[in-house]
C-alpha atoms as a PDB file:
ATOM      1  CA  UNK A   1     162.981  47.094-188.035  1.00  0.00           C
ATOM      2  CA  UNK A   2     162.634  49.492-185.261  1.00  0.00           C
ATOM      3  CA  UNK A   3     161.812  48.527-181.702  1.00  0.00           C
ATOM      4  CA  UNK A   4     158.031  49.533-181.982  1.00  0.00           C
ATOM      5  CA  UNK A   5     157.623  47.264-185.079  1.00  0.00           C
ATOM      6  CA  UNK A   6     159.546  44.453-183.527  1.00  0.00           C
ATOM      7  CA  UNK A   7     157.241  44.556-180.442  1.00  0.00           C
ATOM      8  CA  UNK A   8     154.212  44.607-182.818  1.00  0.00           C
ATOM      9  CA  UNK A   9     155.671  41.641-184.702  1.00  0.00           C
ATOM     10  CA  UNK A  10     156.241  39.565-181.553  1.00  0.00           C
ATOM     11  CA  UNK A  11     152.797  40.301-180.104  1.00  0.00           C
ATOM     12  CA  UNK A  12     151.319  39.220-183.432  1.00  0.00           C
ATOM     13  CA  UNK A  13     153.457  35.921-183.170  1.00  0.00           C
ATOM     14  CA  UNK A  14     152.266  35.557-179.585  1.00  0.00           C
ATOM     15  CA  UNK A  15     148.616  35.967-180.604  1.00  0.00           C
ATOM     16  CA  UNK A  16     148.823  33.445-183.507  1.00  0.00           C
ATOM     17  CA  UNK A  17     150.591  30.779-181.196  1.00  0.00           C
ATOM     18  CA  UNK A  18     147.715  31.476-178.660  1.00  0.00           C
ATOM     19  CA  UNK A  19     145.150  31.043-181.264  1.00  0.00           C
ATOM     20  CA  UNK A  20     146.641  27.849-182.469  1.00  0.00           C
ATOM     21  CA  UNK A  21     147.049  26.404-178.832  1.00  0.00           C
ATOM     22  CA  UNK A  22     143.086  27.228-178.405  1.00  0.00           C
ATOM     23  CA  UNK A  23     142.242  25.410-181.534  1.00  0.00           C
ATOM     24  CA  UNK A  24     144.340  22.422-180.633  1.00  0.00           C
ATOM     25  CA  UNK A  25     142.666  22.386-177.205  1.00  0.00           C
ATOM     26  CA  UNK A  26     139.075  22.713-178.698  1.00  0.00           C
ATOM     27  CA  UNK A  27     139.724  19.856-180.960  1.00  0.00           C
ATOM     28  CA  UNK A  28     140.994  17.661-178.231  1.00  0.00           C
ATOM     29  CA  UNK A  29     137.825  18.468-176.120  1.00  0.00           C
ATOM     30  CA  UNK A  30     135.556  17.819-179.242  1.00  0.00           C
ATOM     31  CA  UNK A  31     137.271  14.480-179.736  1.00  0.00           C
ATOM     32  CA  UNK A  32     136.905  13.533-175.969  1.00  0.00           C
ATOM     33  CA  UNK A  33     133.103  14.467-176.246  1.00  0.00           C
ATOM     34  CA  UNK A  34     132.669  12.392-179.457  1.00  0.00           C
ATOM     35  CA  UNK A  35     134.215   9.395-177.707  1.00  0.00           C
ATOM     36  CA  UNK A  36     132.056   9.804-174.568  1.00  0.00           C
ATOM     37  CA  UNK A  37     129.022   9.879-176.871  1.00  0.00           C
ATOM     38  CA  UNK A  38     130.056   6.801-178.647  1.00  0.00           C
ATOM     39  CA  UNK A  39     130.983   4.953-175.379  1.00  0.00           C
ATOM     40  CA  UNK A  40     127.425   5.942-174.005  1.00  0.00           C
ATOM     41  CA  UNK A  41     125.667   4.952-177.093  1.00  0.00           C
ATOM     42  CA  UNK A  42     127.363   1.531-176.930  1.00  0.00           C
ATOM     43  CA  UNK A  43     126.538   1.132-173.190  1.00  0.00           C
ATOM     44  CA  UNK A  44     123.037   1.981-173.979  1.00  0.00           C
ATOM     45  CA  UNK A  45     122.794  -0.657-176.593  1.00  0.00           C
ATOM     46  CA  UNK A  46     124.280  -3.325-174.343  1.00  0.00           C
ATOM     47  CA  UNK A  47     121.733  -2.425-171.548  1.00  0.00           C
ATOM     48  CA  UNK A  48     118.922  -2.514-174.094  1.00  0.00           C
ATOM     49  CA  UNK A  49     120.107  -5.933-175.424  1.00  0.00           C
ATOM     50  CA  UNK A  50     120.427  -7.361-171.794  1.00  0.00           C
ATOM     51  CA  UNK A  51     116.869  -5.983-171.114  1.00  0.00           C
ATOM     52  CA  UNK A  52     115.489  -7.559-174.078  1.00  0.00           C
ATOM     53  CA  UNK A  53     117.224 -10.870-173.215  1.00  0.00           C
ATOM     54  CA  UNK A  54     115.528 -10.560-169.681  1.00  0.00           C
ATOM     55  CA  UNK A  55     112.177 -10.023-171.239  1.00  0.00           C
ATOM     56  CA  UNK A  56     112.486 -13.011-173.665  1.00  0.00           C
ATOM     57  CA  UNK A  57     113.625 -15.263-170.549  1.00  0.00           C
ATOM     58  CA  UNK A  58     110.560 -14.244-168.640  1.00  0.00           C
ATOM     59  CA  UNK A  59     108.276 -14.740-171.697  1.00  0.00           C
ATOM     60  CA  UNK A  60     109.745 -18.234-172.142  1.00  0.00           C
ATOM     61  CA  UNK A  61     109.583 -19.136-168.707  1.00  0.00           C
ATOM     62  CA  UNK A  62     105.908 -18.095-168.272  1.00  0.00           C
ATOM     63  CA  UNK A  63     104.940 -19.567-171.756  1.00  0.00           C
ATOM     64  CA  UNK A  64     103.900 -16.290-173.289  1.00  0.00           C
ATOM     65  CA  UNK A  65     106.170 -17.000-176.181  1.00  0.00           C
ATOM     66  CA  UNK A  66     104.645 -20.164-177.239  1.00  0.00           C
END
């Protein structure tokens, strides 16, 4: 392989490695975003349950539930 071919080969190798690294970083970012989404959904559900509990407590205290 002459010098020009070797340089082209090395450039191709570097490009492939950079693409793979980029793909890995995108996958990590996607996983982090999914995890954050799930955490927010869980927090929202907990807040909703607490609010419903508070509403029920007020209804019971005022006799609306009877």
